[in-house]
C-alpha atoms as a PDB file:
ATOM      1  CA  MET A   1      16.733  42.372  15.150  1.00  0.00           C
ATOM      2  CA  ALA A   2      18.221  39.221  13.483  1.00  0.00           C
ATOM      3  CA  LEU A   3      15.857  36.676  13.433  1.00  0.00           C
ATOM      4  CA  GLU A   4      14.629  34.164  10.564  1.00  0.00           C
ATOM      5  CA  TYR A   5      10.913  34.504  11.959  1.00  0.00           C
ATOM      6  CA  GLY A   6       9.731  37.226  13.769  1.00  0.00           C
ATOM      7  CA  GLN A   7      11.672  40.481  12.476  1.00  0.00           C
ATOM      8  CA  ASN A   8       8.616  42.616  13.214  1.00  0.00           C
ATOM      9  CA  GLY A   9       8.760  41.725  16.885  1.00  0.00           C
ATOM     10  CA  LEU A  10       8.916  38.487  18.522  1.00  0.00           C
ATOM     11  CA  TRP A  11       6.594  37.657  21.384  1.00  0.00           C
ATOM     12  CA  GLY A  12       7.372  35.531  24.702  1.00  0.00           C
ATOM     13  CA  VAL A  13       3.970  34.210  25.502  1.00  0.00           C
ATOM     14  CA  LEU A  14       2.994  32.610  29.387  1.00  0.00           C
ATOM     15  CA  THR A  15       0.544  29.882  29.226  1.00  0.00           C
ATOM     16  CA  PRO A  16      -1.525  28.155  31.807  1.00  0.00           C
ATOM     17  CA  GLN A  17      -0.393  24.694  31.962  1.00  0.00           C
ATOM     18  CA  ALA A  18      -3.356  22.962  30.374  1.00  0.00           C
ATOM     19  CA  ASN A  19      -4.334  25.751  27.829  1.00  0.00           C
ATOM     20  CA  THR A  20      -5.035  24.507  24.423  1.00  0.00           C
ATOM     21  CA  THR A  21      -6.677  27.712  23.357  1.00  0.00           C
ATOM     22  CA  VAL A  22      -4.034  30.612  23.606  1.00  0.00           C
ATOM     23  CA  GLU A  23      -1.003  29.104  21.055  1.00  0.00           C
ATOM     24  CA  PRO A  24      -3.934  28.290  17.950  1.00  0.00           C
ATOM     25  CA  GLU A  25      -5.616  31.683  18.068  1.00  0.00           C
ATOM     26  CA  LEU A  26      -2.320  33.451  18.919  1.00  0.00           C
ATOM     27  CA  TRP A  27      -0.732  32.244  16.244  1.00  0.00           C
ATOM     28  CA  ALA A  28      -4.114  32.629  14.161  1.00  0.00           C
ATOM     29  CA  LEU A  29      -3.725  36.518  15.364  1.00  0.00           C
ATOM     30  CA  LEU A  30       0.165  37.093  14.425  1.00  0.00           C
ATOM     31  CA  PRO A  31       0.277  39.880  11.956  1.00  0.00           C
ATOM     32  CA  PRO A  32       2.929  39.570   8.884  1.00  0.00           C
ATOM     33  CA  GLY A  33       6.399  39.637  10.384  1.00  0.00           C
ATOM     34  CA  HIS A  34       5.919  38.855  13.918  1.00  0.00           C
ATOM     35  CA  SER A  35       6.320  35.651  15.617  1.00  0.00           C
ATOM     36  CA  LEU A  36       6.236  33.941  19.050  1.00  0.00           C
ATOM     37  CA  ILE A  37       7.629  31.578  21.812  1.00  0.00           C
ATOM     38  CA  ASN A  38       5.700  30.281  24.240  1.00  0.00           C
ATOM     39  CA  ALA A  39       6.352  28.960  28.163  1.00  0.00           C
ATOM     40  CA  ARG A  40       3.935  26.987  29.998  1.00  0.00           C
ATOM     41  CA  LEU A  41       3.246  28.056  33.399  1.00  0.00           C
ATOM     42  CA  VAL A  42       2.637  25.023  35.713  1.00  0.00           C
ATOM     43  CA  SER A  43       1.329  24.651  39.540  1.00  0.00           C
ATOM     44  CA  ASP A  44       0.561  21.724  41.305  1.00  0.00           C
ATOM     45  CA  GLN A  45      -2.044  23.502  43.608  1.00  0.00           C
ATOM     46  CA  SER A  46      -5.406  21.634  43.607  1.00  0.00           C
ATOM     47  CA  THR A  47      -7.924  24.277  42.695  1.00  0.00           C
ATOM     48  CA  ILE A  48      -7.835  26.594  39.718  1.00  0.00           C
ATOM     49  CA  GLU A  49      -8.119  29.234  42.023  1.00  0.00           C
ATOM     50  CA  GLU A  50      -4.807  28.564  43.947  1.00  0.00           C
ATOM     51  CA  ARG A  51      -3.254  27.661  40.544  1.00  0.00           C
ATOM     52  CA  LEU A  52      -4.421  30.927  39.197  1.00  0.00           C
ATOM     53  CA  VAL A  53      -2.409  33.122  41.892  1.00  0.00           C
ATOM     54  CA  ASP A  54       0.182  30.473  42.145  1.00  0.00           C
ATOM     55  CA  TYR A  55       0.836  31.336  38.195  1.00  0.00           C
ATOM     56  CA  THR A  56       1.456  35.362  39.218  1.00  0.00           C
ATOM     57  CA  MET A  57       4.085  34.091  41.940  1.00  0.00           C
ATOM     58  CA  ARG A  58       5.606  32.097  38.889  1.00  0.00           C
ATOM     59  CA  PHE A  59       5.927  34.930  36.360  1.00  0.00           C
ATOM     60  CA  GLY A  60       9.312  35.798  36.453  1.00  0.00           C
ATOM     61  CA  VAL A  61      10.984  32.360  36.697  1.00  0.00           C
ATOM     62  CA  THR A  62       8.787  31.226  33.846  1.00  0.00           C
ATOM     63  CA  ALA A  63       9.497  34.208  31.929  1.00  0.00           C
ATOM     64  CA  GLU A  64      13.308  33.024  32.451  1.00  0.00           C
ATOM     65  CA  ARG A  65      13.099  29.990  30.160  1.00  0.00           C
ATOM     66  CA  PHE A  66      13.232  32.235  27.564  1.00  0.00           C
ATOM     67  CA  GLY A  67      16.744  32.352  27.950  1.00  0.00           C
ATOM     68  CA  ASN A  68      18.258  35.295  25.694  1.00  0.00           C
ATOM     69  CA  ALA A  69      15.877  35.484  22.984  1.00  0.00           C
ATOM     70  CA  PRO A  70      15.213  38.738  21.893  1.00  0.00           C
ATOM     71  CA  VAL A  71      11.355  38.994  22.971  1.00  0.00           C
ATOM     72  CA  ASN A  72      10.181  42.489  22.332  1.00  0.00           C
ATOM     73  CA  CYS A  73       7.431  41.831  25.268  1.00  0.00           C
ATOM     74  CA  ILE A  74       6.327  39.138  27.642  1.00  0.00           C
ATOM     75  CA  ALA A  75       2.410  38.712  27.093  1.00  0.00           C
ATOM     76  CA  ALA A  76       0.546  36.601  29.803  1.00  0.00           C
ATOM     77  CA  ALA A  77      -2.072  34.577  28.936  1.00  0.00           C
ATOM     78  CA  CYS A  78      -3.785  34.358  32.310  1.00  0.00           C
ATOM     79  CA  THR A  79      -6.970  36.481  32.494  1.00  0.00           C
ATOM     80  CA  GLY A  80      -8.695  34.962  35.374  1.00  0.00           C
ATOM     81  CA  ALA A  81      -5.654  35.263  37.624  1.00  0.00           C
ATOM     82  CA  SER A  82      -6.072  38.950  37.410  1.00  0.00           C
ATOM     83  CA  TYR A  83      -9.120  39.128  38.691  1.00  0.00           C
ATOM     84  CA  LEU A  84      -8.135  37.146  42.046  1.00  0.00           C
ATOM     85  CA  ILE A  85      -5.323  39.170  42.837  1.00  0.00           C
ATOM     86  CA  GLY A  86      -6.886  42.221  41.983  1.00  0.00           C
ATOM     87  CA  ALA A  87      -5.708  45.598  40.065  1.00  0.00           C
ATOM     88  CA  LEU A  88      -3.405  46.974  42.522  1.00  0.00           C
ATOM     89  CA  ARG A  89      -1.173  43.929  42.807  1.00  0.00           C
ATOM     90  CA  GLU A  90      -1.698  43.057  38.903  1.00  0.00           C
ATOM     91  CA  ALA A  91      -0.183  46.833  38.635  1.00  0.00           C
ATOM     92  CA  GLU A  92       2.765  45.859  41.149  1.00  0.00           C
ATOM     93  CA  ILE A  93       3.675  42.840  39.242  1.00  0.00           C
ATOM     94  CA  VAL A  94       3.766  44.498  35.823  1.00  0.00           C
ATOM     95  CA  ASP A  95       6.596  47.125  37.447  1.00  0.00           C
ATOM     96  CA  GLU A  96       8.256  44.649  38.601  1.00  0.00           C
ATOM     97  CA  MET A  97       8.479  42.680  35.171  1.00  0.00           C
ATOM     98  CA  GLN A  98       8.938  45.564  33.333  1.00  0.00           C
ATOM     99  CA  THR A  99      12.136  46.452  35.343  1.00  0.00           C
ATOM    100  CA  ARG A 100      13.414  42.553  35.682  1.00  0.00           C
ATOM    101  CA  PHE A 101      13.175  42.166  31.813  1.00  0.00           C
ATOM    102  CA  GLY A 102      13.171  45.400  30.144  1.00  0.00           C
ATOM    103  CA  VAL A 103      10.589  45.157  27.840  1.00  0.00           C
ATOM    104  CA  PRO A 104       6.681  45.523  28.176  1.00  0.00           C
ATOM    105  CA  PHE A 105       4.623  43.259  30.419  1.00  0.00           C
ATOM    106  CA  LEU A 106       1.620  42.843  29.205  1.00  0.00           C
ATOM    107  CA  THR A 107      -1.417  40.933  31.185  1.00  0.00           C
ATOM    108  CA  ALA A 108      -4.590  39.638  29.175  1.00  0.00           C
ATOM    109  CA  ALA A 109      -6.841  41.003  31.053  1.00  0.00           C
ATOM    110  CA  LEU A 110      -4.961  44.407  30.942  1.00  0.00           C
ATOM    111  CA  ALA A 111      -4.787  44.499  27.311  1.00  0.00           C
ATOM    112  CA  THR A 112      -8.389  43.698  27.279  1.00  0.00           C
ATOM    113  CA  VAL A 113      -9.268  46.602  29.268  1.00  0.00           C
ATOM    114  CA  ALA A 114      -7.088  48.998  26.818  1.00  0.00           C
ATOM    115  CA  ALA A 115      -9.126  47.401  24.210  1.00  0.00           C
ATOM    116  CA  LEU A 116     -12.545  47.635  25.417  1.00  0.00           C
ATOM    117  CA  ARG A 117     -11.321  51.589  25.844  1.00  0.00           C
ATOM    118  CA  ALA A 118     -10.492  51.636  22.219  1.00  0.00           C
ATOM    119  CA  VAL A 119     -14.170  50.533  21.129  1.00  0.00           C
ATOM    120  CA  GLY A 120     -15.700  53.330  23.594  1.00  0.00           C
ATOM    121  CA  ALA A 121     -17.646  50.516  25.556  1.00  0.00           C
ATOM    122  CA  ARG A 122     -18.287  51.114  28.843  1.00  0.00           C
ATOM    123  CA  ARG A 123     -21.405  49.025  29.529  1.00  0.00           C
ATOM    124  CA  ILE A 124     -20.412  45.422  28.708  1.00  0.00           C
ATOM    125  CA  ALA A 125     -21.504  42.211  28.498  1.00  0.00           C
ATOM    126  CA  LEU A 126     -19.564  39.330  29.707  1.00  0.00           C
ATOM    127  CA  LEU A 127     -19.866  35.869  27.910  1.00  0.00           C
ATOM    128  CA  THR A 128     -18.044  34.110  30.670  1.00  0.00           C
ATOM    129  CA  PRO A 129     -16.598  29.913  30.609  1.00  0.00           C
ATOM    130  CA  TYR A 130     -16.279  30.487  34.203  1.00  0.00           C
ATOM    131  CA  PRO A 131     -17.379  28.737  37.162  1.00  0.00           C
ATOM    132  CA  GLU A 132     -18.894  30.787  39.560  1.00  0.00           C
ATOM    133  CA  THR A 133     -15.910  30.966  41.932  1.00  0.00           C
ATOM    134  CA  LEU A 134     -14.113  33.190  39.040  1.00  0.00           C
ATOM    135  CA  ASN A 135     -17.701  34.950  37.860  1.00  0.00           C
ATOM    136  CA  ARG A 136     -17.826  36.545  41.581  1.00  0.00           C
ATOM    137  CA  PRO A 137     -14.159  38.598  41.625  1.00  0.00           C
ATOM    138  CA  CYS A 138     -14.364  38.863  37.972  1.00  0.00           C
ATOM    139  CA  VAL A 139     -17.049  41.559  38.056  1.00  0.00           C
ATOM    140  CA  PRO A 140     -15.454  43.916  40.365  1.00  0.00           C
ATOM    141  CA  TYR A 141     -12.095  43.418  38.755  1.00  0.00           C
ATOM    142  CA  TRP A 142     -13.556  45.351  35.648  1.00  0.00           C
ATOM    143  CA  GLU A 143     -15.427  47.340  37.915  1.00  0.00           C
ATOM    144  CA  SER A 144     -12.433  48.957  39.015  1.00  0.00           C
ATOM    145  CA  PHE A 145     -11.587  50.531  35.550  1.00  0.00           C
ATOM    146  CA  GLY A 146     -15.175  52.037  35.537  1.00  0.00           C
ATOM    147  CA  LEU A 147     -16.724  49.840  33.451  1.00  0.00           C
ATOM    148  CA  GLU A 148     -20.371  48.568  34.198  1.00  0.00           C
ATOM    149  CA  VAL A 149     -21.512  45.185  33.962  1.00  0.00           C
ATOM    150  CA  VAL A 150     -25.157  45.047  32.573  1.00  0.00           C
ATOM    151  CA  ALA A 151     -25.211  41.287  31.776  1.00  0.00           C
ATOM    152  CA  LYS A 152     -23.979  38.063  31.931  1.00  0.00           C
ATOM    153  CA  ALA A 153     -23.805  34.454  30.351  1.00  0.00           C
ATOM    154  CA  GLY A 154     -22.315  31.692  28.961  1.00  0.00           C
ATOM    155  CA  PRO A 155     -22.159  28.232  27.569  1.00  0.00           C
ATOM    156  CA  ALA A 156     -22.788  25.505  30.472  1.00  0.00           C
ATOM    157  CA  LEU A 157     -19.888  23.646  32.396  1.00  0.00           C
ATOM    158  CA  GLU A 158     -18.994  20.610  30.906  1.00  0.00           C
ATOM    159  CA  ASP A 159     -17.797  18.636  34.019  1.00  0.00           C
ATOM    160  CA  ASN A 160     -16.570  15.309  32.261  1.00  0.00           C
ATOM    161  CA  VAL A 161     -14.140  16.346  30.203  1.00  0.00           C
ATOM    162  CA  PHE A 162     -10.251  17.219  30.571  1.00  0.00           C
ATOM    163  CA  HIS A 163     -10.863  20.479  31.504  1.00  0.00           C
ATOM    164  CA  PRO A 164     -14.687  22.380  31.649  1.00  0.00           C
ATOM    165  CA  ILE A 165     -13.271  25.575  30.152  1.00  0.00           C
ATOM    166  CA  TYR A 166     -10.421  24.674  27.296  1.00  0.00           C
ATOM    167  CA  ALA A 167     -13.265  21.965  26.230  1.00  0.00           C
ATOM    168  CA  MET A 168     -15.876  24.524  24.879  1.00  0.00           C
ATOM    169  CA  THR A 169     -16.812  24.324  21.657  1.00  0.00           C
ATOM    170  CA  GLY A 170     -17.244  27.828  19.364  1.00  0.00           C
ATOM    171  CA  SER A 171     -21.174  26.657  18.681  1.00  0.00           C
ATOM    172  CA  GLY A 172     -21.795  27.377  22.505  1.00  0.00           C
ATOM    173  CA  VAL A 173     -20.047  30.736  23.142  1.00  0.00           C
ATOM    174  CA  LEU A 174     -21.887  31.826  19.646  1.00  0.00           C
ATOM    175  CA  ALA A 175     -25.299  31.100  21.323  1.00  0.00           C
ATOM    176  CA  SER A 176     -24.282  33.095  23.886  1.00  0.00           C
ATOM    177  CA  TYR A 177     -22.855  35.891  21.809  1.00  0.00           C
ATOM    178  CA  ARG A 178     -26.102  36.000  20.094  1.00  0.00           C
ATOM    179  CA  THR A 179     -28.252  35.964  23.039  1.00  0.00           C
ATOM    180  CA  LEU A 180     -25.917  38.937  24.949  1.00  0.00           C
ATOM    181  CA  SER A 181     -26.352  40.847  21.801  1.00  0.00           C
ATOM    182  CA  GLU A 182     -29.996  41.726  22.718  1.00  0.00           C
ATOM    183  CA  SER A 183     -28.864  43.342  25.849  1.00  0.00           C
ATOM    184  CA  ASP A 184     -27.829  47.278  26.007  1.00  0.00           C
ATOM    185  CA  ALA A 185     -24.247  46.577  26.111  1.00  0.00           C
ATOM    186  CA  ASP A 186     -22.130  48.700  23.938  1.00  0.00           C
ATOM    187  CA  ALA A 187     -19.683  45.572  23.471  1.00  0.00           C
ATOM    188  CA  ILE A 188     -19.625  41.884  24.239  1.00  0.00           C
ATOM    189  CA  LEU A 189     -16.520  40.906  26.325  1.00  0.00           C
ATOM    190  CA  MET A 190     -15.563  37.183  25.893  1.00  0.00           C
ATOM    191  CA  LEU A 191     -13.712  36.058  28.592  1.00  0.00           C
ATOM    192  CA  GLY A 192     -10.660  34.074  29.596  1.00  0.00           C
ATOM    193  CA  THR A 193      -7.862  33.178  26.859  1.00  0.00           C
ATOM    194  CA  GLY A 194      -8.822  29.184  27.181  1.00  0.00           C
ATOM    195  CA  MET A 195     -12.266  29.530  25.487  1.00  0.00           C
ATOM    196  CA  ALA A 196     -12.199  29.461  21.785  1.00  0.00           C
ATOM    197  CA  THR A 197     -13.796  32.721  20.224  1.00  0.00           C
ATOM    198  CA  LEU A 198     -12.168  33.892  17.116  1.00  0.00           C
ATOM    199  CA  GLY A 199     -14.855  31.553  15.237  1.00  0.00           C
ATOM    200  CA  PRO A 200     -18.008  32.791  17.106  1.00  0.00           C
ATOM    201  CA  ILE A 201     -16.012  36.861  16.625  1.00  0.00           C
ATOM    202  CA  LEU A 202     -16.058  36.285  12.486  1.00  0.00           C
ATOM    203  CA  THR A 203     -19.560  34.921  12.612  1.00  0.00           C
ATOM    204  CA  GLY A 204     -20.376  38.257  15.117  1.00  0.00           C
ATOM    205  CA  LEU A 205     -19.273  39.924  12.373  1.00  0.00           C
ATOM    206  CA  GLU A 206     -21.088  38.566   9.479  1.00  0.00           C
ATOM    207  CA  GLU A 207     -24.314  38.742  11.304  1.00  0.00           C
ATOM    208  CA  GLY A 208     -23.875  42.418  12.461  1.00  0.00           C
ATOM    209  CA  LEU A 209     -23.754  41.309  16.344  1.00  0.00           C
ATOM    210  CA  LYS A 210     -22.767  43.761  18.848  1.00  0.00           C
ATOM    211  CA  PRO A 211     -18.671  44.511  19.037  1.00  0.00           C
ATOM    212  CA  ALA A 212     -17.172  41.933  20.728  1.00  0.00           C
ATOM    213  CA  VAL A 213     -13.646  41.814  22.232  1.00  0.00           C
ATOM    214  CA  SER A 214     -12.128  38.733  23.288  1.00  0.00           C
ATOM    215  CA  CYS A 215      -8.991  38.339  25.720  1.00  0.00           C
ATOM    216  CA  ASN A 216      -6.355  36.176  23.474  1.00  0.00           C
ATOM    217  CA  LEU A 217      -7.756  39.187  20.346  1.00  0.00           C
ATOM    218  CA  ALA A 218      -6.758  42.168  22.875  1.00  0.00           C
ATOM    219  CA  LEU A 219      -3.912  40.306  24.007  1.00  0.00           C
ATOM    220  CA  ALA A 220      -2.534  39.697  20.603  1.00  0.00           C
ATOM    221  CA  TRP A 221      -3.195  42.908  19.452  1.00  0.00           C
ATOM    222  CA  ALA A 222      -1.251  44.796  22.400  1.00  0.00           C
ATOM    223  CA  ALA A 223       1.376  42.081  22.277  1.00  0.00           C
ATOM    224  CA  ALA A 224       2.116  43.382  18.283  1.00  0.00           C
ATOM    225  CA  GLN A 225       2.699  46.865  19.623  1.00  0.00           C
ATOM    226  CA  ALA A 226       5.003  45.721  22.174  1.00  0.00           C
ATOM    227  CA  ARG A 227       3.859  48.870  24.370  1.00  0.00           C
ATOM    228  CA  PRO A 228       2.719  49.102  27.918  1.00  0.00           C
ATOM    229  CA  TRP A 229      -0.833  48.604  28.528  1.00  0.00           C
ATOM    230  CA  ASP A 230      -1.836  52.195  29.255  1.00  0.00           C
ATOM    231  CA  ALA A 231       0.291  53.551  25.803  1.00  0.00           C
ATOM    232  CA  LEU A 232      -1.519  51.244  23.297  1.00  0.00           C
ATOM    233  CA  GLU A 233      -2.279  52.589  20.045  1.00  0.00           C
ATOM    234  CA  GLY A 234      -5.998  52.605  20.316  1.00  0.00           C
ATOM    235  CA  GLU A 235      -7.052  53.482  16.610  1.00  0.00           C
ATOM    236  CA  THR A 236      -5.293  50.708  15.576  1.00  0.00           C
ATOM    237  CA  PHE A 237      -7.981  48.172  17.312  1.00  0.00           C
ATOM    238  CA  GLU A 238     -10.663  48.339  14.970  1.00  0.00           C
ATOM    239  CA  ASP A 239      -8.922  46.243  12.234  1.00  0.00           C
ATOM    240  CA  TRP A 240      -7.825  43.636  14.701  1.00  0.00           C
ATOM    241  CA  ARG A 241     -11.594  43.455  15.719  1.00  0.00           C
ATOM    242  CA  GLN A 242     -12.635  43.231  12.095  1.00  0.00           C
ATOM    243  CA  ALA A 243     -10.197  40.704  11.386  1.00  0.00           C
ATOM    244  CA  THR A 244      -8.602  42.526   8.277  1.00  0.00           C
ATOM    245  CA  HIS A 245      -5.498  40.795   8.498  1.00  0.00           C
ATOM    246  CA  TRP A 246      -6.166  37.294  10.459  1.00  0.00           C
ATOM    247  CA  ARG A 247      -9.358  36.045   8.913  1.00  0.00           C
ATOM    248  CA  GLN A 248      -7.478  34.048   6.063  1.00  0.00           C
ATOM    249  CA  ARG A 249      -5.170  32.584   8.652  1.00  0.00           C
ATOM    250  CA  TYR A 250      -7.641  31.091  10.886  1.00  0.00           C
ATOM    251  CA  ASP A 251      -9.977  29.715   8.026  1.00  0.00           C
ATOM    252  CA  GLY A 252      -6.397  27.671   6.874  1.00  0.00           C
ATOM    253  CA  LEU A 253      -6.277  26.608  10.791  1.00  0.00           C
ATOM    254  CA  VAL A 254      -9.578  25.631  11.076  1.00  0.00           C
ATOM    255  CA  GLY A 255      -9.560  23.972   7.717  1.00  0.00           C
ATOM    256  CA  GLY A 256     -11.856  26.252   6.719  1.00  0.00           C
END
């Protein structure tokens, strides 16, 4: 691949229109020699649920904006959409996109399923930033992959900000993480790509909290392999979870 940046892999990322978290977290998570380009999923639908479903129908046209850039995977950073369309329709879209573009198409939700399997988790606790309209379809989605949801908690939604999920602070996420670590879950699943998770994950490592998997962490791990989600090498995930290559980059981005 004749690239100055991204010689080991160039990711094409599809990000919801107002999401302010995906790009900073993926840039922090990029392993050496990898780079990414981003295209925004846009919709004029009035509710978050309608927009999420609309995004799935725009994956193809949005990915076309990469033109002939030599991306070696396309990563859809939009977890909530998977719950609403369901695992069967999601699988159809994955097949359609991979046939159309000739590279692995990874959804954040399916990458997360693979990461949970990599840590050996069956019983999970959900750290959720969602309103109940997304929490309800969220649980059966994870259960459809053989996971058992044993607990659920999350920071309070703030209605007086530009977006209740994207404006959440790491301190609220960390407080919920500590609470859920007292459950009998095998792992904590930090939901969504819009909630900031990397800081709480690092603190959890320092405090010895239960293993945490976030959707952005899982998506970056999957994109770095550029393989279909069900062919990912699970043994590599522990280094990612332990922040082996990304801790210093994260500290630099947040001024730590």
